[in-house]
Amino acid sequence: MINFRVRDLDKMVAQLRERGIAVEVHSEVYPNGRFARLSDPEGNPIQLWQPGGKDPR
């Protein structure tokens, strides 16, 4: 799985969905941030991560 850190998860998810890409946003907010999952055209999993908690960088 490839993991990408994003600044604004909601904005990134909206951009992807506007282009017809299915994205699953985890409903739970974890101590280290928020996550979403999608797949590339070959089916490889990709995770998007918006840091949160004590180290939001």
PDB file of N, CA and C in Angstrom:
ATOM      1  N   MET A   1       0.840  -1.175   0.000  1.00  0.00           N
ATOM      2  CA  MET A   1       0.000   0.000   0.000  1.00  0.00           C
ATOM      3  C   MET A   1       0.888   1.242   0.000  1.00  0.00           C
ATOM      4  N   ILE A   2       0.479   2.213  -0.778  1.00  0.00           N
ATOM      5  CA  ILE A   2       1.153   3.511  -0.792  1.00  0.00           C
ATOM      6  C   ILE A   2       0.359   4.432   0.119  1.00  0.00           C
ATOM      7  N   ASN A   3       1.051   5.204   0.942  1.00  0.00           N
ATOM      8  CA  ASN A   3       0.411   6.123   1.870  1.00  0.00           C
ATOM      9  C   ASN A   3       0.849   7.540   1.520  1.00  0.00           C
ATOM     10  N   PHE A   4      -0.128   8.415   1.284  1.00  0.00           N
ATOM     11  CA  PHE A   4       0.151   9.819   0.993  1.00  0.00           C
ATOM     12  C   PHE A   4      -0.369  10.688   2.121  1.00  0.00           C
ATOM     13  N   ARG A   5       0.465  11.593   2.585  1.00  0.00           N
ATOM     14  CA  ARG A   5       0.041  12.578   3.579  1.00  0.00           C
ATOM     15  C   ARG A   5      -0.598  13.739   2.832  1.00  0.00           C
ATOM     16  N   VAL A   6      -1.774  14.152   3.273  1.00  0.00           N
ATOM     17  CA  VAL A   6      -2.474  15.270   2.635  1.00  0.00           C
ATOM     18  C   VAL A   6      -2.781  16.336   3.682  1.00  0.00           C
ATOM     19  N   ARG A   7      -2.850  17.568   3.230  1.00  0.00           N
ATOM     20  CA  ARG A   7      -3.122  18.688   4.134  1.00  0.00           C
ATOM     21  C   ARG A   7      -4.603  18.769   4.490  1.00  0.00           C
ATOM     22  N   ASP A   8      -5.474  18.520   3.506  1.00  0.00           N
ATOM     23  CA  ASP A   8      -6.913  18.649   3.711  1.00  0.00           C
ATOM     24  C   ASP A   8      -7.595  17.429   3.092  1.00  0.00           C
ATOM     25  N   LEU A   9      -7.895  16.452   3.918  1.00  0.00           N
ATOM     26  CA  LEU A   9      -8.455  15.192   3.429  1.00  0.00           C
ATOM     27  C   LEU A   9      -9.793  15.408   2.722  1.00  0.00           C
ATOM     28  N   ASP A  10     -10.657  16.226   3.292  1.00  0.00           N
ATOM     29  CA  ASP A  10     -11.963  16.450   2.685  1.00  0.00           C
ATOM     30  C   ASP A  10     -11.840  17.061   1.294  1.00  0.00           C
ATOM     31  N   LYS A  11     -10.946  18.010   1.142  1.00  0.00           N
ATOM     32  CA  LYS A  11     -10.745  18.647  -0.161  1.00  0.00           C
ATOM     33  C   LYS A  11     -10.187  17.655  -1.180  1.00  0.00           C
ATOM     34  N   MET A  12      -9.225  16.833  -0.761  1.00  0.00           N
ATOM     35  CA  MET A  12      -8.635  15.847  -1.657  1.00  0.00           C
ATOM     36  C   MET A  12      -9.673  14.818  -2.081  1.00  0.00           C
ATOM     37  N   VAL A  13     -10.479  14.350  -1.138  1.00  0.00           N
ATOM     38  CA  VAL A  13     -11.521  13.373  -1.445  1.00  0.00           C
ATOM     39  C   VAL A  13     -12.530  13.970  -2.427  1.00  0.00           C
ATOM     40  N   ALA A  14     -12.914  15.222  -2.213  1.00  0.00           N
ATOM     41  CA  ALA A  14     -13.861  15.877  -3.124  1.00  0.00           C
ATOM     42  C   ALA A  14     -13.284  15.966  -4.535  1.00  0.00           C
ATOM     43  N   GLN A  15     -12.012  16.307  -4.654  1.00  0.00           N
ATOM     44  CA  GLN A  15     -11.373  16.400  -5.969  1.00  0.00           C
ATOM     45  C   GLN A  15     -11.357  15.045  -6.670  1.00  0.00           C
ATOM     46  N   LEU A  16     -11.043  14.002  -5.930  1.00  0.00           N
ATOM     47  CA  LEU A  16     -11.005  12.657  -6.516  1.00  0.00           C
ATOM     48  C   LEU A  16     -12.399  12.202  -6.949  1.00  0.00           C
ATOM     49  N   ARG A  17     -13.379  12.428  -6.093  1.00  0.00           N
ATOM     50  CA  ARG A  17     -14.749  12.015  -6.416  1.00  0.00           C
ATOM     51  C   ARG A  17     -15.302  12.783  -7.611  1.00  0.00           C
ATOM     52  N   GLU A  18     -14.934  14.062  -7.751  1.00  0.00           N
ATOM     53  CA  GLU A  18     -15.358  14.845  -8.919  1.00  0.00           C
ATOM     54  C   GLU A  18     -14.860  14.218 -10.216  1.00  0.00           C
ATOM     55  N   ARG A  19     -13.765  13.490 -10.133  1.00  0.00           N
ATOM     56  CA  ARG A  19     -13.182  12.837 -11.304  1.00  0.00           C
ATOM     57  C   ARG A  19     -13.628  11.386 -11.439  1.00  0.00           C
ATOM     58  N   GLY A  20     -14.621  10.999 -10.621  1.00  0.00           N
ATOM     59  CA  GLY A  20     -15.195   9.669 -10.733  1.00  0.00           C
ATOM     60  C   GLY A  20     -14.431   8.575 -10.014  1.00  0.00           C
ATOM     61  N   ILE A  21     -13.554   8.940  -9.102  1.00  0.00           N
ATOM     62  CA  ILE A  21     -12.756   7.953  -8.368  1.00  0.00           C
ATOM     63  C   ILE A  21     -13.452   7.625  -7.045  1.00  0.00           C
ATOM     64  N   ALA A  22     -13.639   6.346  -6.787  1.00  0.00           N
ATOM     65  CA  ALA A  22     -14.274   5.902  -5.544  1.00  0.00           C
ATOM     66  C   ALA A  22     -13.275   5.999  -4.395  1.00  0.00           C
ATOM     67  N   VAL A  23     -13.675   6.696  -3.343  1.00  0.00           N
ATOM     68  CA  VAL A  23     -12.826   6.876  -2.161  1.00  0.00           C
ATOM     69  C   VAL A  23     -13.656   6.541  -0.932  1.00  0.00           C
ATOM     70  N   GLU A  24     -13.086   5.731  -0.040  1.00  0.00           N
ATOM     71  CA  GLU A  24     -13.741   5.377   1.214  1.00  0.00           C
ATOM     72  C   GLU A  24     -13.057   6.147   2.343  1.00  0.00           C
ATOM     73  N   VAL A  25     -13.806   7.012   3.010  1.00  0.00           N
ATOM     74  CA  VAL A  25     -13.265   7.790   4.124  1.00  0.00           C
ATOM     75  C   VAL A  25     -13.602   7.064   5.418  1.00  0.00           C
ATOM     76  N   HIS A  26     -12.602   6.821   6.247  1.00  0.00           N
ATOM     77  CA  HIS A  26     -12.837   6.188   7.538  1.00  0.00           C
ATOM     78  C   HIS A  26     -13.625   7.155   8.414  1.00  0.00           C
ATOM     79  N   SER A  27     -14.687   6.689   9.036  1.00  0.00           N
ATOM     80  CA  SER A  27     -15.529   7.553   9.857  1.00  0.00           C
ATOM     81  C   SER A  27     -14.869   7.891  11.194  1.00  0.00           C
ATOM     82  N   GLU A  28     -13.974   7.040  11.649  1.00  0.00           N
ATOM     83  CA  GLU A  28     -13.312   7.267  12.926  1.00  0.00           C
ATOM     84  C   GLU A  28     -12.134   8.213  12.760  1.00  0.00           C
ATOM     85  N   VAL A  29     -11.975   9.111  13.732  1.00  0.00           N
ATOM     86  CA  VAL A  29     -10.806   9.983  13.781  1.00  0.00           C
ATOM     87  C   VAL A  29      -9.852   9.366  14.801  1.00  0.00           C
ATOM     88  N   TYR A  30      -8.673   9.006  14.358  1.00  0.00           N
ATOM     89  CA  TYR A  30      -7.690   8.344  15.203  1.00  0.00           C
ATOM     90  C   TYR A  30      -6.791   9.373  15.878  1.00  0.00           C
ATOM     91  N   PRO A  31      -6.080   8.990  16.938  1.00  0.00           N
ATOM     92  CA  PRO A  31      -5.183   9.942  17.614  1.00  0.00           C
ATOM     93  C   PRO A  31      -4.139  10.561  16.676  1.00  0.00           C
ATOM     94  N   ASN A  32      -3.742   9.825  15.645  1.00  0.00           N
ATOM     95  CA  ASN A  32      -2.727  10.342  14.719  1.00  0.00           C
ATOM     96  C   ASN A  32      -3.336  10.952  13.458  1.00  0.00           C
ATOM     97  N   GLY A  33      -4.676  11.057  13.371  1.00  0.00           N
ATOM     98  CA  GLY A  33      -5.284  11.736  12.233  1.00  0.00           C
ATOM     99  C   GLY A  33      -6.454  10.994  11.605  1.00  0.00           C
ATOM    100  N   ARG A  34      -6.758  11.383  10.373  1.00  0.00           N
ATOM    101  CA  ARG A  34      -7.875  10.820   9.608  1.00  0.00           C
ATOM    102  C   ARG A  34      -7.329  10.106   8.378  1.00  0.00           C
ATOM    103  N   PHE A  35      -8.107   9.108   7.911  1.00  0.00           N
ATOM    104  CA  PHE A  35      -7.650   8.284   6.804  1.00  0.00           C
ATOM    105  C   PHE A  35      -8.750   8.068   5.769  1.00  0.00           C
ATOM    106  N   ALA A  36      -8.319   7.840   4.534  1.00  0.00           N
ATOM    107  CA  ALA A  36      -9.212   7.456   3.451  1.00  0.00           C
ATOM    108  C   ALA A  36      -8.477   6.441   2.597  1.00  0.00           C
ATOM    109  N   ARG A  37      -9.243   5.655   1.844  1.00  0.00           N
ATOM    110  CA  ARG A  37      -8.635   4.600   1.034  1.00  0.00           C
ATOM    111  C   ARG A  37      -9.246   4.584  -0.364  1.00  0.00           C
ATOM    112  N   LEU A  38      -8.390   4.326  -1.332  1.00  0.00           N
ATOM    113  CA  LEU A  38      -8.812   4.178  -2.720  1.00  0.00           C
ATOM    114  C   LEU A  38      -7.852   3.217  -3.396  1.00  0.00           C
ATOM    115  N   SER A  39      -8.066   2.964  -4.668  1.00  0.00           N
ATOM    116  CA  SER A  39      -7.188   2.073  -5.428  1.00  0.00           C
ATOM    117  C   SER A  39      -6.758   2.755  -6.710  1.00  0.00           C
ATOM    118  N   ASP A  40      -5.546   2.421  -7.177  1.00  0.00           N
ATOM    119  CA  ASP A  40      -5.097   2.950  -8.460  1.00  0.00           C
ATOM    120  C   ASP A  40      -5.760   2.129  -9.581  1.00  0.00           C
ATOM    121  N   PRO A  41      -5.575   2.510 -10.843  1.00  0.00           N
ATOM    122  CA  PRO A  41      -6.233   1.794 -11.944  1.00  0.00           C
ATOM    123  C   PRO A  41      -5.925   0.298 -12.013  1.00  0.00           C
ATOM    124  N   GLU A  42      -4.807  -0.130 -11.429  1.00  0.00           N
ATOM    125  CA  GLU A  42      -4.450  -1.552 -11.435  1.00  0.00           C
ATOM    126  C   GLU A  42      -4.952  -2.283 -10.196  1.00  0.00           C
ATOM    127  N   GLY A  43      -5.652  -1.567  -9.311  1.00  0.00           N
ATOM    128  CA  GLY A  43      -6.204  -2.193  -8.115  1.00  0.00           C
ATOM    129  C   GLY A  43      -5.313  -2.148  -6.894  1.00  0.00           C
ATOM    130  N   ASN A  44      -4.175  -1.481  -6.988  1.00  0.00           N
ATOM    131  CA  ASN A  44      -3.285  -1.370  -5.836  1.00  0.00           C
ATOM    132  C   ASN A  44      -3.863  -0.384  -4.820  1.00  0.00           C
ATOM    133  N   PRO A  45      -3.837  -0.735  -3.531  1.00  0.00           N
ATOM    134  CA  PRO A  45      -4.426   0.140  -2.515  1.00  0.00           C
ATOM    135  C   PRO A  45      -3.584   1.392  -2.256  1.00  0.00           C
ATOM    136  N   ILE A  46      -4.282   2.487  -2.040  1.00  0.00           N
ATOM    137  CA  ILE A  46      -3.666   3.768  -1.698  1.00  0.00           C
ATOM    138  C   ILE A  46      -4.381   4.292  -0.465  1.00  0.00           C
ATOM    139  N   GLN A  47      -3.609   4.785   0.484  1.00  0.00           N
ATOM    140  CA  GLN A  47      -4.198   5.372   1.681  1.00  0.00           C
ATOM    141  C   GLN A  47      -3.825   6.847   1.735  1.00  0.00           C
ATOM    142  N   LEU A  48      -4.807   7.681   2.045  1.00  0.00           N
ATOM    143  CA  LEU A  48      -4.583   9.104   2.251  1.00  0.00           C
ATOM    144  C   LEU A  48      -4.644   9.353   3.747  1.00  0.00           C
ATOM    145  N   TRP A  49      -3.736  10.167   4.250  1.00  0.00           N
ATOM    146  CA  TRP A  49      -3.650  10.423   5.681  1.00  0.00           C
ATOM    147  C   TRP A  49      -3.550  11.920   5.935  1.00  0.00           C
ATOM    148  N   GLN A  50      -4.481  12.449   6.725  1.00  0.00           N
ATOM    149  CA  GLN A  50      -4.396  13.816   7.193  1.00  0.00           C
ATOM    150  C   GLN A  50      -3.962  13.751   8.646  1.00  0.00           C
ATOM    151  N   PRO A  51      -2.713  14.158   8.945  1.00  0.00           N
ATOM    152  CA  PRO A  51      -2.220  14.075  10.313  1.00  0.00           C
ATOM    153  C   PRO A  51      -3.090  14.864  11.273  1.00  0.00           C
ATOM    154  N   GLY A  52      -3.128  14.396  12.493  1.00  0.00           N
ATOM    155  CA  GLY A  52      -3.860  15.072  13.549  1.00  0.00           C
ATOM    156  C   GLY A  52      -3.202  14.785  14.864  1.00  0.00           C
ATOM    157  N   GLY A  53      -3.840  15.139  15.923  1.00  0.00           N
ATOM    158  CA  GLY A  53      -3.292  14.872  17.240  1.00  0.00           C
ATOM    159  C   GLY A  53      -2.188  15.834  17.597  1.00  0.00           C
ATOM    160  N   LYS A  54      -1.199  15.353  18.327  1.00  0.00           N
ATOM    161  CA  LYS A  54      -0.141  16.210  18.859  1.00  0.00           C
ATOM    162  C   LYS A  54       0.881  16.616  17.818  1.00  0.00           C
ATOM    163  N   ASP A  55       1.004  15.860  16.711  1.00  0.00           N
ATOM    164  CA  ASP A  55       1.990  16.180  15.679  1.00  0.00           C
ATOM    165  C   ASP A  55       1.277  16.350  14.338  1.00  0.00           C
ATOM    166  N   PRO A  56       0.568  17.482  14.128  1.00  0.00           N
ATOM    167  CA  PRO A  56      -0.202  17.666  12.906  1.00  0.00           C
ATOM    168  C   PRO A  56       0.621  18.019  11.684  1.00  0.00           C
ATOM    169  N   ARG A  57       1.932  18.063  11.763  1.00  0.00           N
ATOM    170  CA  ARG A  57       2.766  18.402  10.607  1.00  0.00           C
ATOM    171  C   ARG A  57       2.641  17.352   9.594  1.00  0.00           C
TER     172      ARG A  57
END
